[in-house]
Amino acid sequence: MAIRNRMPPWHENFNLPNGRKLLLRPIRPEDGPPMQAAFNLLEPEAIRDRFLRQSNVAPPELVLLLTHPNPKTEIVLVAAEQLPPGEALVGALARAAIVPGTRQAEYTILVSHFVAGQGLGRQLMRKLVKWARRKYLDRLYGDTLKSNEPMMELALSLGFVAQPHPDSPELVRMVLELEA
């Protein structure tokens, strides 16, 4: 019987059109320091808007939350260099978390401008949809700035529907109904 070279669950090699190779995988606690360095390059408001809209969690605490997801209620995936966690530069992050008391999850995707537009966001979104289906959820949704046309086009191409945001006229809620 042949031995297959199988990767662990939720791992995938991803080749960018420019030839760069990344590894899509679940986040690891060791990814915290490189992520913290990357978050330090972003505005605090941008981080909160994408990850914890209702919170005043600072980047160090946010990194701790992201690198220690509850496997029963959330998934956090990264696209990183093919180096050990902690050494690998993280180029993208995707998170889905079940909204407490519901059968729906909210997603967030952050793709570095260095690797944007190369299919990485689409592949990460597909993985989040797959995770949500495996959790037997009814809906997956995420909030997108109206000005973020590439993200809106990506979500629409995967079957999401744009809905008005309940709290902000600057945002659009992208919703995918998962019912079979």
N, C-alpha and C. Protein backbone atom coordinates (compact mmCIF):
# COMPACT_ATOMS: atom_id res chain seq x y z
N MET A 1 0.84 -1.17 0.00
CA MET A 1 0.00 0.00 0.00
C MET A 1 0.89 1.24 0.00
N ALA A 2 0.60 2.17 -0.87
CA ALA A 2 1.41 3.38 -0.99
C ALA A 2 1.09 4.34 0.15
N ILE A 3 2.11 5.00 0.65
CA ILE A 3 1.95 6.01 1.68
C ILE A 3 1.70 7.34 0.98
N ARG A 4 0.63 7.98 1.37
CA ARG A 4 0.29 9.27 0.77
C ARG A 4 0.91 10.38 1.59
N ASN A 5 1.33 11.40 0.89
CA ASN A 5 1.87 12.59 1.55
C ASN A 5 0.71 13.54 1.82
N ARG A 6 -0.01 13.28 2.90
CA ARG A 6 -1.18 14.07 3.23
C ARG A 6 -0.83 15.18 4.20
N MET A 7 -1.50 16.29 4.03
CA MET A 7 -1.31 17.42 4.93
C MET A 7 -2.35 17.34 6.05
N PRO A 8 -2.06 17.95 7.18
CA PRO A 8 -3.05 17.97 8.27
C PRO A 8 -4.32 18.71 7.84
N PRO A 9 -5.40 18.53 8.58
CA PRO A 9 -6.65 19.22 8.23
C PRO A 9 -6.45 20.73 8.14
N TRP A 10 -7.14 21.31 7.19
CA TRP A 10 -7.17 22.75 6.94
C TRP A 10 -5.84 23.31 6.45
N HIS A 11 -4.92 22.46 6.03
CA HIS A 11 -3.65 22.89 5.45
C HIS A 11 -3.72 22.75 3.94
N GLU A 12 -3.11 23.69 3.24
CA GLU A 12 -3.09 23.62 1.77
C GLU A 12 -1.93 24.47 1.26
N ASN A 13 -1.17 23.92 0.33
CA ASN A 13 -0.16 24.72 -0.36
C ASN A 13 -0.90 25.58 -1.38
N PHE A 14 -0.49 26.85 -1.49
CA PHE A 14 -1.15 27.77 -2.41
C PHE A 14 -0.08 28.51 -3.19
N ASN A 15 -0.13 28.36 -4.52
CA ASN A 15 0.83 29.02 -5.39
C ASN A 15 0.21 30.29 -5.95
N LEU A 16 0.84 31.41 -5.67
CA LEU A 16 0.38 32.67 -6.23
C LEU A 16 0.79 32.76 -7.69
N PRO A 17 0.06 33.50 -8.50
CA PRO A 17 0.43 33.64 -9.91
C PRO A 17 1.83 34.19 -10.13
N ASN A 18 2.35 34.94 -9.15
CA ASN A 18 3.70 35.50 -9.29
C ASN A 18 4.80 34.48 -8.94
N GLY A 19 4.42 33.24 -8.63
CA GLY A 19 5.38 32.19 -8.33
C GLY A 19 5.66 31.98 -6.85
N ARG A 20 5.24 32.90 -6.01
CA ARG A 20 5.46 32.75 -4.57
C ARG A 20 4.57 31.64 -4.03
N LYS A 21 5.10 30.85 -3.10
CA LYS A 21 4.36 29.73 -2.51
C LYS A 21 4.03 30.06 -1.06
N LEU A 22 2.76 29.87 -0.73
CA LEU A 22 2.30 30.10 0.63
C LEU A 22 1.66 28.83 1.16
N LEU A 23 1.55 28.77 2.47
CA LEU A 23 0.87 27.67 3.12
C LEU A 23 -0.37 28.24 3.81
N LEU A 24 -1.55 27.74 3.43
CA LEU A 24 -2.78 28.08 4.13
C LEU A 24 -2.91 27.07 5.25
N ARG A 25 -3.11 27.57 6.47
CA ARG A 25 -3.14 26.69 7.62
C ARG A 25 -3.83 27.38 8.79
N PRO A 26 -4.24 26.59 9.78
CA PRO A 26 -4.78 27.22 10.99
C PRO A 26 -3.69 28.04 11.68
N ILE A 27 -4.13 29.09 12.31
CA ILE A 27 -3.19 29.94 13.04
C ILE A 27 -2.59 29.15 14.21
N ARG A 28 -1.40 29.53 14.60
CA ARG A 28 -0.71 28.90 15.72
C ARG A 28 -0.34 30.00 16.73
N PRO A 29 -0.24 29.66 18.00
CA PRO A 29 0.18 30.67 18.97
C PRO A 29 1.51 31.33 18.61
N GLU A 30 2.40 30.57 17.96
CA GLU A 30 3.72 31.10 17.59
C GLU A 30 3.61 32.19 16.51
N ASP A 31 2.47 32.29 15.84
CA ASP A 31 2.28 33.32 14.82
C ASP A 31 2.07 34.70 15.44
N GLY A 32 1.90 34.75 16.74
CA GLY A 32 1.61 36.01 17.42
C GLY A 32 2.64 37.12 17.18
N PRO A 33 3.94 36.88 17.43
CA PRO A 33 4.91 37.97 17.24
C PRO A 33 4.95 38.52 15.81
N PRO A 34 4.98 37.68 14.76
CA PRO A 34 4.95 38.27 13.41
C PRO A 34 3.65 39.04 13.14
N MET A 35 2.52 38.53 13.66
CA MET A 35 1.26 39.24 13.47
C MET A 35 1.27 40.56 14.21
N GLN A 36 1.80 40.57 15.42
CA GLN A 36 1.87 41.81 16.19
C GLN A 36 2.67 42.86 15.42
N ALA A 37 3.76 42.44 14.82
CA ALA A 37 4.58 43.37 14.04
C ALA A 37 3.78 43.91 12.85
N ALA A 38 3.01 43.05 12.21
CA ALA A 38 2.20 43.49 11.08
C ALA A 38 1.08 44.42 11.54
N PHE A 39 0.43 44.10 12.64
CA PHE A 39 -0.65 44.95 13.16
C PHE A 39 -0.13 46.34 13.54
N ASN A 40 1.13 46.40 13.98
CA ASN A 40 1.69 47.70 14.34
C ASN A 40 1.78 48.64 13.14
N LEU A 41 1.71 48.09 11.94
CA LEU A 41 1.74 48.91 10.73
C LEU A 41 0.36 49.43 10.36
N LEU A 42 -0.69 48.89 10.99
CA LEU A 42 -2.06 49.30 10.69
C LEU A 42 -2.55 50.31 11.72
N GLU A 43 -3.53 51.08 11.32
CA GLU A 43 -4.18 52.01 12.24
C GLU A 43 -5.02 51.21 13.23
N PRO A 44 -5.05 51.58 14.52
CA PRO A 44 -5.86 50.85 15.50
C PRO A 44 -7.33 50.77 15.11
N GLU A 45 -7.86 51.84 14.51
CA GLU A 45 -9.26 51.83 14.11
C GLU A 45 -9.51 50.77 13.02
N ALA A 46 -8.57 50.63 12.11
CA ALA A 46 -8.73 49.64 11.04
C ALA A 46 -8.76 48.23 11.61
N ILE A 47 -7.92 47.98 12.60
CA ILE A 47 -7.90 46.66 13.23
C ILE A 47 -9.22 46.39 13.94
N ARG A 48 -9.68 47.35 14.72
CA ARG A 48 -10.95 47.17 15.43
C ARG A 48 -12.10 47.01 14.46
N ASP A 49 -12.11 47.81 13.39
CA ASP A 49 -13.20 47.73 12.42
C ASP A 49 -13.29 46.36 11.79
N ARG A 50 -12.17 45.72 11.57
CA ARG A 50 -12.19 44.42 10.90
C ARG A 50 -12.41 43.25 11.85
N PHE A 51 -11.92 43.36 13.08
CA PHE A 51 -11.92 42.20 13.95
C PHE A 51 -12.84 42.29 15.16
N LEU A 52 -12.86 43.39 15.83
CA LEU A 52 -13.64 43.48 17.06
C LEU A 52 -14.31 44.85 17.12
N ARG A 53 -15.24 45.05 16.26
CA ARG A 53 -15.87 46.34 16.05
C ARG A 53 -16.38 46.96 17.35
N GLN A 54 -16.93 46.16 18.25
CA GLN A 54 -17.56 46.68 19.46
C GLN A 54 -16.60 46.77 20.64
N SER A 55 -15.33 46.59 20.41
CA SER A 55 -14.41 46.44 21.53
C SER A 55 -13.26 47.44 21.45
N ASN A 56 -12.65 47.66 22.59
CA ASN A 56 -11.45 48.50 22.64
C ASN A 56 -10.22 47.64 22.86
N VAL A 57 -10.24 46.41 22.38
CA VAL A 57 -9.11 45.51 22.55
C VAL A 57 -7.92 46.05 21.75
N ALA A 58 -6.79 46.17 22.41
CA ALA A 58 -5.57 46.65 21.76
C ALA A 58 -4.94 45.52 20.95
N PRO A 59 -4.10 45.86 20.00
CA PRO A 59 -3.48 44.82 19.16
C PRO A 59 -2.84 43.66 19.92
N PRO A 60 -2.10 43.87 21.04
CA PRO A 60 -1.53 42.70 21.71
C PRO A 60 -2.60 41.72 22.21
N GLU A 61 -3.68 42.26 22.77
CA GLU A 61 -4.76 41.39 23.23
C GLU A 61 -5.49 40.75 22.05
N LEU A 62 -5.64 41.50 20.96
CA LEU A 62 -6.28 40.96 19.77
C LEU A 62 -5.47 39.80 19.20
N VAL A 63 -4.16 39.98 19.14
CA VAL A 63 -3.29 38.90 18.65
C VAL A 63 -3.45 37.67 19.53
N LEU A 64 -3.51 37.86 20.83
CA LEU A 64 -3.71 36.73 21.73
C LEU A 64 -5.04 36.03 21.45
N LEU A 65 -6.11 36.80 21.26
CA LEU A 65 -7.41 36.20 20.94
C LEU A 65 -7.38 35.44 19.61
N LEU A 66 -6.75 36.04 18.60
CA LEU A 66 -6.71 35.41 17.28
C LEU A 66 -5.86 34.15 17.26
N THR A 67 -4.77 34.13 18.03
CA THR A 67 -3.86 32.99 18.00
C THR A 67 -4.30 31.85 18.92
N HIS A 68 -5.40 32.05 19.64
CA HIS A 68 -5.93 31.01 20.52
C HIS A 68 -7.44 30.86 20.30
N PRO A 69 -7.85 30.52 19.08
CA PRO A 69 -9.29 30.42 18.81
C PRO A 69 -9.91 29.21 19.52
N ASN A 70 -11.19 29.34 19.84
CA ASN A 70 -11.94 28.22 20.41
C ASN A 70 -12.35 27.32 19.25
N PRO A 71 -11.82 26.11 19.14
CA PRO A 71 -12.11 25.26 17.98
C PRO A 71 -13.58 24.87 17.84
N LYS A 72 -14.35 25.00 18.91
CA LYS A 72 -15.77 24.66 18.83
C LYS A 72 -16.58 25.76 18.16
N THR A 73 -16.10 27.01 18.26
CA THR A 73 -16.92 28.13 17.79
C THR A 73 -16.24 29.03 16.77
N GLU A 74 -14.98 28.80 16.47
CA GLU A 74 -14.32 29.68 15.50
C GLU A 74 -13.16 28.98 14.82
N ILE A 75 -12.79 29.56 13.69
CA ILE A 75 -11.61 29.11 12.96
C ILE A 75 -10.86 30.36 12.52
N VAL A 76 -9.54 30.29 12.63
CA VAL A 76 -8.68 31.36 12.15
C VAL A 76 -7.62 30.70 11.28
N LEU A 77 -7.59 31.10 10.03
CA LEU A 77 -6.63 30.58 9.07
C LEU A 77 -5.68 31.69 8.66
N VAL A 78 -4.45 31.32 8.35
CA VAL A 78 -3.48 32.27 7.84
C VAL A 78 -2.91 31.75 6.53
N ALA A 79 -2.43 32.68 5.73
CA ALA A 79 -1.63 32.36 4.55
C ALA A 79 -0.23 32.86 4.88
N ALA A 80 0.70 31.94 5.02
CA ALA A 80 2.03 32.30 5.50
C ALA A 80 3.11 31.69 4.63
N GLU A 81 4.29 32.23 4.79
CA GLU A 81 5.45 31.63 4.14
C GLU A 81 5.59 30.19 4.62
N GLN A 82 6.26 29.39 3.85
CA GLN A 82 6.43 27.99 4.21
C GLN A 82 7.64 27.84 5.13
N LEU A 83 7.52 28.49 6.27
CA LEU A 83 8.51 28.42 7.34
C LEU A 83 7.77 28.02 8.61
N PRO A 84 8.49 27.64 9.66
CA PRO A 84 7.81 27.29 10.91
C PRO A 84 7.01 28.48 11.47
N PRO A 85 5.87 28.19 12.13
CA PRO A 85 5.12 29.27 12.78
C PRO A 85 6.03 30.05 13.71
N GLY A 86 5.88 31.35 13.70
CA GLY A 86 6.74 32.21 14.50
C GLY A 86 7.87 32.81 13.67
N GLU A 87 8.27 32.10 12.63
CA GLU A 87 9.29 32.61 11.70
C GLU A 87 8.65 33.08 10.40
N ALA A 88 7.49 32.53 10.08
CA ALA A 88 6.84 32.80 8.79
C ALA A 88 6.13 34.14 8.79
N LEU A 89 6.32 34.88 7.73
CA LEU A 89 5.57 36.10 7.51
C LEU A 89 4.14 35.72 7.14
N VAL A 90 3.17 36.33 7.79
CA VAL A 90 1.76 36.05 7.53
C VAL A 90 1.25 37.10 6.56
N GLY A 91 0.77 36.64 5.39
CA GLY A 91 0.31 37.56 4.35
C GLY A 91 -1.19 37.78 4.34
N ALA A 92 -1.92 36.89 5.00
CA ALA A 92 -3.38 37.04 5.04
C ALA A 92 -3.91 36.28 6.24
N LEU A 93 -5.09 36.71 6.69
CA LEU A 93 -5.74 36.09 7.83
C LEU A 93 -7.24 36.04 7.54
N ALA A 94 -7.85 34.92 7.85
CA ALA A 94 -9.30 34.76 7.68
C ALA A 94 -9.86 34.15 8.96
N ARG A 95 -10.97 34.73 9.42
CA ARG A 95 -11.58 34.26 10.67
C ARG A 95 -13.08 34.15 10.49
N ALA A 96 -13.64 33.10 11.03
CA ALA A 96 -15.10 32.95 11.14
C ALA A 96 -15.39 32.54 12.57
N ALA A 97 -16.40 33.16 13.15
CA ALA A 97 -16.77 32.86 14.54
C ALA A 97 -18.29 32.79 14.64
N ILE A 98 -18.76 31.76 15.31
CA ILE A 98 -20.19 31.60 15.52
C ILE A 98 -20.67 32.70 16.46
N VAL A 99 -21.75 33.34 16.06
CA VAL A 99 -22.37 34.37 16.90
C VAL A 99 -23.09 33.63 18.03
N PRO A 100 -22.77 33.92 19.30
CA PRO A 100 -23.37 33.18 20.41
C PRO A 100 -24.90 33.18 20.36
N GLY A 101 -25.47 32.01 20.58
CA GLY A 101 -26.91 31.86 20.62
C GLY A 101 -27.59 31.81 19.26
N THR A 102 -26.78 31.69 18.18
CA THR A 102 -27.35 31.64 16.84
C THR A 102 -26.77 30.47 16.06
N ARG A 103 -27.28 30.30 14.86
CA ARG A 103 -26.73 29.30 13.93
C ARG A 103 -26.09 30.03 12.76
N GLN A 104 -25.40 31.13 13.07
CA GLN A 104 -24.71 31.88 12.04
C GLN A 104 -23.32 32.28 12.52
N ALA A 105 -22.46 32.56 11.57
CA ALA A 105 -21.09 32.96 11.90
C ALA A 105 -20.75 34.23 11.13
N GLU A 106 -19.91 35.03 11.76
CA GLU A 106 -19.42 36.24 11.12
C GLU A 106 -17.99 36.00 10.66
N TYR A 107 -17.68 36.44 9.45
CA TYR A 107 -16.32 36.26 8.93
C TYR A 107 -15.61 37.60 8.80
N THR A 108 -14.30 37.51 8.80
CA THR A 108 -13.42 38.63 8.53
C THR A 108 -12.23 38.10 7.74
N ILE A 109 -11.86 38.83 6.71
CA ILE A 109 -10.67 38.46 5.93
C ILE A 109 -9.81 39.71 5.79
N LEU A 110 -8.53 39.54 6.04
CA LEU A 110 -7.57 40.62 5.87
C LEU A 110 -6.43 40.08 5.01
N VAL A 111 -6.25 40.66 3.83
CA VAL A 111 -5.20 40.24 2.91
C VAL A 111 -4.24 41.41 2.72
N SER A 112 -2.97 41.15 2.94
CA SER A 112 -1.95 42.18 2.76
C SER A 112 -1.95 42.67 1.32
N HIS A 113 -1.67 43.95 1.16
CA HIS A 113 -1.63 44.49 -0.21
C HIS A 113 -0.51 43.86 -1.04
N PHE A 114 0.46 43.22 -0.38
CA PHE A 114 1.55 42.57 -1.11
C PHE A 114 1.08 41.33 -1.87
N VAL A 115 0.00 40.70 -1.40
CA VAL A 115 -0.50 39.48 -2.05
C VAL A 115 -1.95 39.61 -2.50
N ALA A 116 -2.50 40.81 -2.43
CA ALA A 116 -3.90 41.03 -2.83
C ALA A 116 -4.05 40.85 -4.33
N GLY A 117 -5.25 40.45 -4.74
CA GLY A 117 -5.56 40.33 -6.15
C GLY A 117 -4.99 39.10 -6.83
N GLN A 118 -4.57 38.10 -6.04
CA GLN A 118 -3.96 36.90 -6.62
C GLN A 118 -4.72 35.62 -6.28
N GLY A 119 -5.97 35.76 -5.86
CA GLY A 119 -6.80 34.59 -5.59
C GLY A 119 -6.75 34.09 -4.16
N LEU A 120 -5.97 34.71 -3.33
CA LEU A 120 -5.82 34.26 -1.95
C LEU A 120 -7.09 34.49 -1.14
N GLY A 121 -7.70 35.65 -1.28
CA GLY A 121 -8.95 35.94 -0.57
C GLY A 121 -10.04 34.96 -0.95
N ARG A 122 -10.13 34.63 -2.23
CA ARG A 122 -11.14 33.67 -2.71
C ARG A 122 -10.93 32.31 -2.06
N GLN A 123 -9.70 31.84 -2.02
CA GLN A 123 -9.44 30.53 -1.44
C GLN A 123 -9.71 30.52 0.06
N LEU A 124 -9.35 31.58 0.75
CA LEU A 124 -9.63 31.66 2.18
C LEU A 124 -11.14 31.71 2.43
N MET A 125 -11.86 32.46 1.61
CA MET A 125 -13.31 32.53 1.76
C MET A 125 -13.94 31.16 1.54
N ARG A 126 -13.47 30.43 0.56
CA ARG A 126 -13.99 29.07 0.32
C ARG A 126 -13.79 28.19 1.54
N LYS A 127 -12.64 28.32 2.18
CA LYS A 127 -12.38 27.53 3.38
C LYS A 127 -13.31 27.92 4.53
N LEU A 128 -13.59 29.20 4.67
CA LEU A 128 -14.51 29.63 5.72
C LEU A 128 -15.92 29.11 5.46
N VAL A 129 -16.34 29.12 4.19
CA VAL A 129 -17.66 28.57 3.84
C VAL A 129 -17.69 27.07 4.15
N LYS A 130 -16.64 26.37 3.80
CA LYS A 130 -16.57 24.93 4.08
C LYS A 130 -16.66 24.66 5.59
N TRP A 131 -15.95 25.45 6.38
CA TRP A 131 -16.01 25.31 7.84
C TRP A 131 -17.43 25.55 8.35
N ALA A 132 -18.07 26.61 7.87
CA ALA A 132 -19.43 26.93 8.31
C ALA A 132 -20.41 25.81 7.94
N ARG A 133 -20.25 25.24 6.76
CA ARG A 133 -21.12 24.12 6.36
C ARG A 133 -20.89 22.90 7.26
N ARG A 134 -19.64 22.64 7.59
CA ARG A 134 -19.34 21.50 8.48
C ARG A 134 -19.90 21.70 9.88
N LYS A 135 -20.09 22.94 10.28
CA LYS A 135 -20.70 23.26 11.58
C LYS A 135 -22.23 23.29 11.48
N TYR A 136 -22.76 22.99 10.31
CA TYR A 136 -24.21 22.98 10.07
C TYR A 136 -24.86 24.32 10.42
N LEU A 137 -24.18 25.40 10.04
CA LEU A 137 -24.73 26.73 10.29
C LEU A 137 -25.71 27.10 9.19
N ASP A 138 -26.57 28.05 9.49
CA ASP A 138 -27.56 28.50 8.51
C ASP A 138 -27.04 29.66 7.66
N ARG A 139 -26.11 30.45 8.21
CA ARG A 139 -25.70 31.67 7.53
C ARG A 139 -24.27 32.04 7.89
N LEU A 140 -23.57 32.58 6.90
CA LEU A 140 -22.25 33.15 7.09
C LEU A 140 -22.32 34.58 6.57
N TYR A 141 -21.85 35.53 7.37
CA TYR A 141 -21.92 36.92 6.93
C TYR A 141 -20.68 37.68 7.36
N GLY A 142 -20.45 38.78 6.67
CA GLY A 142 -19.36 39.67 7.02
C GLY A 142 -19.68 41.07 6.56
N ASP A 143 -19.10 42.04 7.23
CA ASP A 143 -19.33 43.44 6.90
C ASP A 143 -18.15 43.96 6.09
N THR A 144 -18.48 44.67 5.02
CA THR A 144 -17.49 45.18 4.09
C THR A 144 -17.74 46.66 3.85
N LEU A 145 -16.68 47.43 3.80
CA LEU A 145 -16.83 48.82 3.43
C LEU A 145 -17.39 48.90 2.00
N LYS A 146 -18.31 49.82 1.78
CA LYS A 146 -18.86 49.99 0.43
C LYS A 146 -17.77 50.31 -0.58
N SER A 147 -16.71 50.94 -0.12
CA SER A 147 -15.61 51.30 -1.01
C SER A 147 -14.70 50.11 -1.35
N ASN A 148 -14.87 48.99 -0.66
CA ASN A 148 -14.03 47.81 -0.91
C ASN A 148 -14.68 46.95 -2.00
N GLU A 149 -14.66 47.46 -3.21
CA GLU A 149 -15.30 46.77 -4.33
C GLU A 149 -14.73 45.39 -4.60
N PRO A 150 -13.40 45.19 -4.53
CA PRO A 150 -12.89 43.84 -4.78
C PRO A 150 -13.47 42.79 -3.82
N MET A 151 -13.59 43.14 -2.53
CA MET A 151 -14.15 42.19 -1.57
C MET A 151 -15.62 41.94 -1.85
N MET A 152 -16.35 42.98 -2.20
CA MET A 152 -17.76 42.80 -2.51
C MET A 152 -17.94 41.93 -3.75
N GLU A 153 -17.13 42.16 -4.78
CA GLU A 153 -17.21 41.35 -6.00
C GLU A 153 -16.86 39.89 -5.71
N LEU A 154 -15.85 39.67 -4.88
CA LEU A 154 -15.47 38.31 -4.50
C LEU A 154 -16.63 37.61 -3.81
N ALA A 155 -17.21 38.25 -2.81
CA ALA A 155 -18.31 37.64 -2.07
C ALA A 155 -19.50 37.37 -2.99
N LEU A 156 -19.84 38.32 -3.85
CA LEU A 156 -20.96 38.12 -4.78
C LEU A 156 -20.70 36.94 -5.71
N SER A 157 -19.45 36.79 -6.16
CA SER A 157 -19.12 35.69 -7.08
C SER A 157 -19.22 34.33 -6.40
N LEU A 158 -19.18 34.31 -5.07
CA LEU A 158 -19.29 33.05 -4.32
C LEU A 158 -20.71 32.80 -3.80
N GLY A 159 -21.65 33.63 -4.23
CA GLY A 159 -23.05 33.42 -3.86
C GLY A 159 -23.55 34.26 -2.71
N PHE A 160 -22.72 35.11 -2.16
CA PHE A 160 -23.17 36.01 -1.10
C PHE A 160 -24.11 37.06 -1.69
N VAL A 161 -24.95 37.61 -0.85
CA VAL A 161 -25.89 38.64 -1.25
C VAL A 161 -25.60 39.88 -0.41
N ALA A 162 -25.58 41.04 -1.05
CA ALA A 162 -25.35 42.30 -0.35
C ALA A 162 -26.64 42.76 0.31
N GLN A 163 -26.54 43.11 1.59
CA GLN A 163 -27.68 43.64 2.33
C GLN A 163 -27.26 44.92 3.03
N PRO A 164 -28.21 45.83 3.27
CA PRO A 164 -27.85 47.04 4.01
C PRO A 164 -27.35 46.67 5.41
N HIS A 165 -26.36 47.40 5.86
CA HIS A 165 -25.82 47.15 7.20
C HIS A 165 -26.77 47.75 8.24
N PRO A 166 -27.03 47.04 9.33
CA PRO A 166 -27.98 47.55 10.32
C PRO A 166 -27.51 48.76 11.11
N ASP A 167 -26.19 49.01 11.16
CA ASP A 167 -25.68 50.08 12.01
C ASP A 167 -24.92 51.18 11.29
N SER A 168 -24.43 50.92 10.09
CA SER A 168 -23.55 51.89 9.44
C SER A 168 -23.87 52.02 7.95
N PRO A 169 -24.08 53.24 7.48
CA PRO A 169 -24.33 53.43 6.05
C PRO A 169 -23.06 53.25 5.20
N GLU A 170 -21.89 53.20 5.85
CA GLU A 170 -20.63 53.03 5.12
C GLU A 170 -20.31 51.56 4.84
N LEU A 171 -21.08 50.65 5.48
CA LEU A 171 -20.82 49.23 5.36
C LEU A 171 -21.95 48.52 4.60
N VAL A 172 -21.60 47.39 4.03
CA VAL A 172 -22.56 46.48 3.41
C VAL A 172 -22.37 45.14 4.09
N ARG A 173 -23.45 44.47 4.43
CA ARG A 173 -23.37 43.14 5.02
C ARG A 173 -23.51 42.12 3.89
N MET A 174 -22.46 41.32 3.71
CA MET A 174 -22.45 40.26 2.70
C MET A 174 -22.90 38.97 3.39
N VAL A 175 -23.99 38.37 2.88
CA VAL A 175 -24.63 37.23 3.55
C VAL A 175 -24.69 36.04 2.60
N LEU A 176 -24.32 34.88 3.11
CA LEU A 176 -24.47 33.62 2.37
C LEU A 176 -25.37 32.70 3.19
N GLU A 177 -26.51 32.36 2.62
CA GLU A 177 -27.41 31.41 3.26
C GLU A 177 -26.85 30.01 2.99
N LEU A 178 -26.68 29.21 4.04
CA LEU A 178 -26.03 27.89 3.93
C LEU A 178 -27.02 26.74 3.98
N GLU A 179 -28.29 27.04 4.11
CA GLU A 179 -29.28 25.98 4.22
C GLU A 179 -29.21 25.07 3.01
N ALA A 180 -29.32 23.78 3.25
CA ALA A 180 -29.19 22.80 2.16
C ALA A 180 -30.42 22.76 1.29
